[in-house]
Amino acid sequence: MMPTAVRRSIIGVLLLVVAGSVFGLTRLSSGPSQPVDTIIESISPDNGQSTLQQGQVSVDLLSGWDGRLTIDQKQIPDDQVVKVREQGTLKFQPGPRKALEYFPAGQNCVILTYWQLATGPEQSFQKQWCFTAL
């Protein structure tokens, strides 16, 4: 038979291992903790490309993802973005009574904030790029 002090030490170590395992498992995320390059399937106009001042910004994400657009530091309201959630597409075209009536001539920058539908915008990622409006 083992001495009481040895048994207590073994039980204590086992309890610490179990507690550490439980803590580690509860910290596992159901989604990716880092953005994956393949989540954004395409953007248009792409970084460095040109478009007309009345052109369109479009983003194609993997199915199951959603996003929000900020263009030239103006957040584009959801009701001005055409979204097809099943396909993961977001499209914004400037016009009257919109956040932007047109893209100003020259460089315009976009920030895409995107997230997995299952986790919501609290766990989001960002991608930024710029294009030229002619």
C-alpha atoms as a PDB file:
ATOM      1  CA  MET A   1       0.000   0.000   0.000  1.00  0.00           C
ATOM      2  CA  MET A   2       1.148   3.570  -0.836  1.00  0.00           C
ATOM      3  CA  PRO A   3       1.749   6.119   1.853  1.00  0.00           C
ATOM      4  CA  THR A   4      -1.059   8.701   2.213  1.00  0.00           C
ATOM      5  CA  ALA A   5       1.178  11.620   1.124  1.00  0.00           C
ATOM      6  CA  VAL A   6       2.075   9.869  -2.155  1.00  0.00           C
ATOM      7  CA  ARG A   7      -1.582   9.026  -2.892  1.00  0.00           C
ATOM      8  CA  ARG A   8      -2.632  12.621  -2.230  1.00  0.00           C
ATOM      9  CA  SER A   9       0.155  13.923  -4.496  1.00  0.00           C
ATOM     10  CA  ILE A  10      -0.914  11.604  -7.336  1.00  0.00           C
ATOM     11  CA  ILE A  11      -4.587  12.564  -6.934  1.00  0.00           C
ATOM     12  CA  GLY A  12      -3.623  16.254  -6.899  1.00  0.00           C
ATOM     13  CA  VAL A  13      -1.595  15.920 -10.105  1.00  0.00           C
ATOM     14  CA  LEU A  14      -4.427  13.998 -11.802  1.00  0.00           C
ATOM     15  CA  LEU A  15      -6.944  16.678 -10.792  1.00  0.00           C
ATOM     16  CA  LEU A  16      -4.679  19.386 -12.247  1.00  0.00           C
ATOM     17  CA  VAL A  17      -4.363  17.446 -15.522  1.00  0.00           C
ATOM     18  CA  VAL A  18      -8.150  17.007 -15.763  1.00  0.00           C
ATOM     19  CA  ALA A  19      -8.798  20.675 -14.910  1.00  0.00           C
ATOM     20  CA  GLY A  20      -6.251  21.795 -17.507  1.00  0.00           C
ATOM     21  CA  SER A  21      -7.802  19.555 -20.148  1.00  0.00           C
ATOM     22  CA  VAL A  22     -11.315  20.826 -19.442  1.00  0.00           C
ATOM     23  CA  PHE A  23     -10.090  24.434 -19.565  1.00  0.00           C
ATOM     24  CA  GLY A  24      -8.315  23.805 -22.878  1.00  0.00           C
ATOM     25  CA  LEU A  25     -11.354  22.164 -24.453  1.00  0.00           C
ATOM     26  CA  THR A  26     -13.647  25.048 -23.470  1.00  0.00           C
ATOM     27  CA  ARG A  27     -11.269  27.478 -25.220  1.00  0.00           C
ATOM     28  CA  LEU A  28     -11.523  25.720 -28.590  1.00  0.00           C
ATOM     29  CA  SER A  29     -13.293  27.899 -31.147  1.00  0.00           C
ATOM     30  CA  SER A  30     -15.940  26.580 -33.498  1.00  0.00           C
ATOM     31  CA  GLY A  31     -14.530  28.747 -36.310  1.00  0.00           C
ATOM     32  CA  PRO A  32     -11.125  29.761 -37.544  1.00  0.00           C
ATOM     33  CA  SER A  33      -9.124  32.059 -35.308  1.00  0.00           C
ATOM     34  CA  GLN A  34      -7.171  33.374 -38.282  1.00  0.00           C
ATOM     35  CA  PRO A  35      -8.659  34.470 -41.602  1.00  0.00           C
ATOM     36  CA  VAL A  36      -8.006  32.051 -44.405  1.00  0.00           C
ATOM     37  CA  ASP A  37      -7.103  33.468 -47.818  1.00  0.00           C
ATOM     38  CA  THR A  38      -9.648  31.241 -49.551  1.00  0.00           C
ATOM     39  CA  ILE A  39     -12.623  32.736 -47.638  1.00  0.00           C
ATOM     40  CA  ILE A  40     -12.586  35.741 -49.986  1.00  0.00           C
ATOM     41  CA  GLU A  41     -13.058  34.161 -53.382  1.00  0.00           C
ATOM     42  CA  SER A  42     -12.924  37.444 -55.330  1.00  0.00           C
ATOM     43  CA  ILE A  43     -13.092  41.226 -55.031  1.00  0.00           C
ATOM     44  CA  SER A  44     -13.847  43.724 -57.751  1.00  0.00           C
ATOM     45  CA  PRO A  45     -12.296  46.065 -58.540  1.00  0.00           C
ATOM     46  CA  ASP A  46      -9.234  44.329 -57.176  1.00  0.00           C
ATOM     47  CA  ASN A  47      -6.362  46.104 -55.443  1.00  0.00           C
ATOM     48  CA  GLY A  48      -4.802  48.614 -57.845  1.00  0.00           C
ATOM     49  CA  GLN A  49      -7.461  48.185 -60.539  1.00  0.00           C
ATOM     50  CA  SER A  50      -9.623  50.953 -62.006  1.00  0.00           C
ATOM     51  CA  THR A  51     -13.372  51.413 -62.279  1.00  0.00           C
ATOM     52  CA  LEU A  52     -15.753  54.183 -63.242  1.00  0.00           C
ATOM     53  CA  GLN A  53     -16.981  56.654 -60.613  1.00  0.00           C
ATOM     54  CA  GLN A  54     -20.408  54.977 -60.852  1.00  0.00           C
ATOM     55  CA  GLY A  55     -18.814  51.517 -60.883  1.00  0.00           C
ATOM     56  CA  GLN A  56     -19.585  48.729 -58.459  1.00  0.00           C
ATOM     57  CA  VAL A  57     -17.644  47.176 -55.593  1.00  0.00           C
ATOM     58  CA  SER A  58     -18.365  43.487 -55.243  1.00  0.00           C
ATOM     59  CA  VAL A  59     -17.069  40.793 -52.933  1.00  0.00           C
ATOM     60  CA  ASP A  60     -17.582  37.063 -53.221  1.00  0.00           C
ATOM     61  CA  LEU A  61     -17.095  35.164 -49.957  1.00  0.00           C
ATOM     62  CA  LEU A  62     -17.376  31.468 -49.276  1.00  0.00           C
ATOM     63  CA  SER A  63     -20.885  30.301 -48.537  1.00  0.00           C
ATOM     64  CA  GLY A  64     -21.607  30.664 -44.808  1.00  0.00           C
ATOM     65  CA  TRP A  65     -19.821  34.018 -44.492  1.00  0.00           C
ATOM     66  CA  ASP A  66     -21.173  37.573 -44.384  1.00  0.00           C
ATOM     67  CA  GLY A  67     -19.600  40.981 -44.323  1.00  0.00           C
ATOM     68  CA  ARG A  68     -19.801  44.743 -44.137  1.00  0.00           C
ATOM     69  CA  LEU A  69     -18.213  47.321 -46.440  1.00  0.00           C
ATOM     70  CA  THR A  70     -16.530  50.580 -45.495  1.00  0.00           C
ATOM     71  CA  ILE A  71     -15.470  52.694 -48.456  1.00  0.00           C
ATOM     72  CA  ASP A  72     -13.357  55.814 -48.028  1.00  0.00           C
ATOM     73  CA  GLN A  73     -14.000  55.662 -44.273  1.00  0.00           C
ATOM     74  CA  LYS A  74     -17.803  55.634 -44.758  1.00  0.00           C
ATOM     75  CA  GLN A  75     -19.594  52.540 -43.516  1.00  0.00           C
ATOM     76  CA  ILE A  76     -22.064  51.437 -46.146  1.00  0.00           C
ATOM     77  CA  PRO A  77     -25.472  50.701 -44.561  1.00  0.00           C
ATOM     78  CA  ASP A  78     -26.696  47.133 -45.025  1.00  0.00           C
ATOM     79  CA  ASP A  79     -29.807  48.331 -46.869  1.00  0.00           C
ATOM     80  CA  GLN A  80     -27.543  49.832 -49.570  1.00  0.00           C
ATOM     81  CA  VAL A  81     -25.601  46.592 -50.097  1.00  0.00           C
ATOM     82  CA  VAL A  82     -27.081  43.868 -52.264  1.00  0.00           C
ATOM     83  CA  LYS A  83     -26.382  40.628 -50.397  1.00  0.00           C
ATOM     84  CA  VAL A  84     -27.009  37.064 -51.445  1.00  0.00           C
ATOM     85  CA  ARG A  85     -26.126  35.190 -48.256  1.00  0.00           C
ATOM     86  CA  GLU A  86     -26.461  31.736 -49.803  1.00  0.00           C
ATOM     87  CA  GLN A  87     -23.727  32.680 -52.278  1.00  0.00           C
ATOM     88  CA  GLY A  88     -21.741  34.957 -49.954  1.00  0.00           C
ATOM     89  CA  THR A  89     -21.889  37.960 -52.290  1.00  0.00           C
ATOM     90  CA  LEU A  90     -21.953  41.651 -51.362  1.00  0.00           C
ATOM     91  CA  LYS A  91     -22.360  44.412 -53.953  1.00  0.00           C
ATOM     92  CA  PHE A  92     -22.444  48.170 -53.594  1.00  0.00           C
ATOM     93  CA  GLN A  93     -23.015  50.673 -56.354  1.00  0.00           C
ATOM     94  CA  PRO A  94     -22.964  54.386 -55.505  1.00  0.00           C
ATOM     95  CA  GLY A  95     -25.952  56.519 -56.394  1.00  0.00           C
ATOM     96  CA  PRO A  96     -28.404  59.192 -55.258  1.00  0.00           C
ATOM     97  CA  ARG A  97     -29.379  59.058 -51.559  1.00  0.00           C
ATOM     98  CA  LYS A  98     -26.644  56.520 -50.791  1.00  0.00           C
ATOM     99  CA  ALA A  99     -23.603  56.746 -48.522  1.00  0.00           C
ATOM    100  CA  LEU A 100     -21.613  57.603 -51.654  1.00  0.00           C
ATOM    101  CA  GLU A 101     -23.254  59.184 -54.706  1.00  0.00           C
ATOM    102  CA  TYR A 102     -20.151  58.300 -56.739  1.00  0.00           C
ATOM    103  CA  PHE A 103     -16.584  57.207 -56.117  1.00  0.00           C
ATOM    104  CA  PRO A 104     -14.373  60.309 -56.063  1.00  0.00           C
ATOM    105  CA  ALA A 105     -11.842  60.436 -58.906  1.00  0.00           C
ATOM    106  CA  GLY A 106      -8.547  58.935 -57.814  1.00  0.00           C
ATOM    107  CA  GLN A 107      -7.777  56.411 -55.112  1.00  0.00           C
ATOM    108  CA  ASN A 108     -10.626  54.892 -53.079  1.00  0.00           C
ATOM    109  CA  CYS A 109     -10.028  52.377 -50.302  1.00  0.00           C
ATOM    110  CA  VAL A 110     -12.309  49.598 -49.107  1.00  0.00           C
ATOM    111  CA  ILE A 111     -12.334  47.788 -45.781  1.00  0.00           C
ATOM    112  CA  LEU A 112     -14.206  44.513 -45.797  1.00  0.00           C
ATOM    113  CA  THR A 113     -15.136  43.272 -42.337  1.00  0.00           C
ATOM    114  CA  TYR A 114     -16.227  39.648 -42.656  1.00  0.00           C
ATOM    115  CA  TRP A 115     -17.336  36.857 -40.356  1.00  0.00           C
ATOM    116  CA  GLN A 116     -18.719  33.361 -40.305  1.00  0.00           C
ATOM    117  CA  LEU A 117     -22.513  33.320 -40.046  1.00  0.00           C
ATOM    118  CA  ALA A 118     -22.268  30.672 -37.315  1.00  0.00           C
ATOM    119  CA  THR A 119     -20.174  32.919 -35.040  1.00  0.00           C
ATOM    120  CA  GLY A 120     -21.453  36.386 -35.978  1.00  0.00           C
ATOM    121  CA  PRO A 121     -19.644  39.725 -36.334  1.00  0.00           C
ATOM    122  CA  GLU A 122     -18.155  39.489 -32.818  1.00  0.00           C
ATOM    123  CA  GLN A 123     -15.466  37.222 -34.344  1.00  0.00           C
ATOM    124  CA  SER A 124     -14.652  39.137 -37.513  1.00  0.00           C
ATOM    125  CA  PHE A 125     -11.677  39.672 -39.780  1.00  0.00           C
ATOM    126  CA  GLN A 126     -10.720  42.536 -42.079  1.00  0.00           C
ATOM    127  CA  LYS A 127      -9.238  42.952 -45.511  1.00  0.00           C
ATOM    128  CA  GLN A 128      -8.337  46.319 -47.004  1.00  0.00           C
ATOM    129  CA  TRP A 129      -7.593  47.254 -50.603  1.00  0.00           C
ATOM    130  CA  CYS A 130      -7.667  50.332 -52.827  1.00  0.00           C
ATOM    131  CA  PHE A 131      -8.786  50.983 -56.385  1.00  0.00           C
ATOM    132  CA  THR A 132      -8.789  53.993 -58.709  1.00  0.00           C
ATOM    133  CA  ALA A 133     -12.000  55.662 -59.876  1.00  0.00           C
ATOM    134  CA  LEU A 134     -11.833  57.249 -63.327  1.00  0.00           C
END
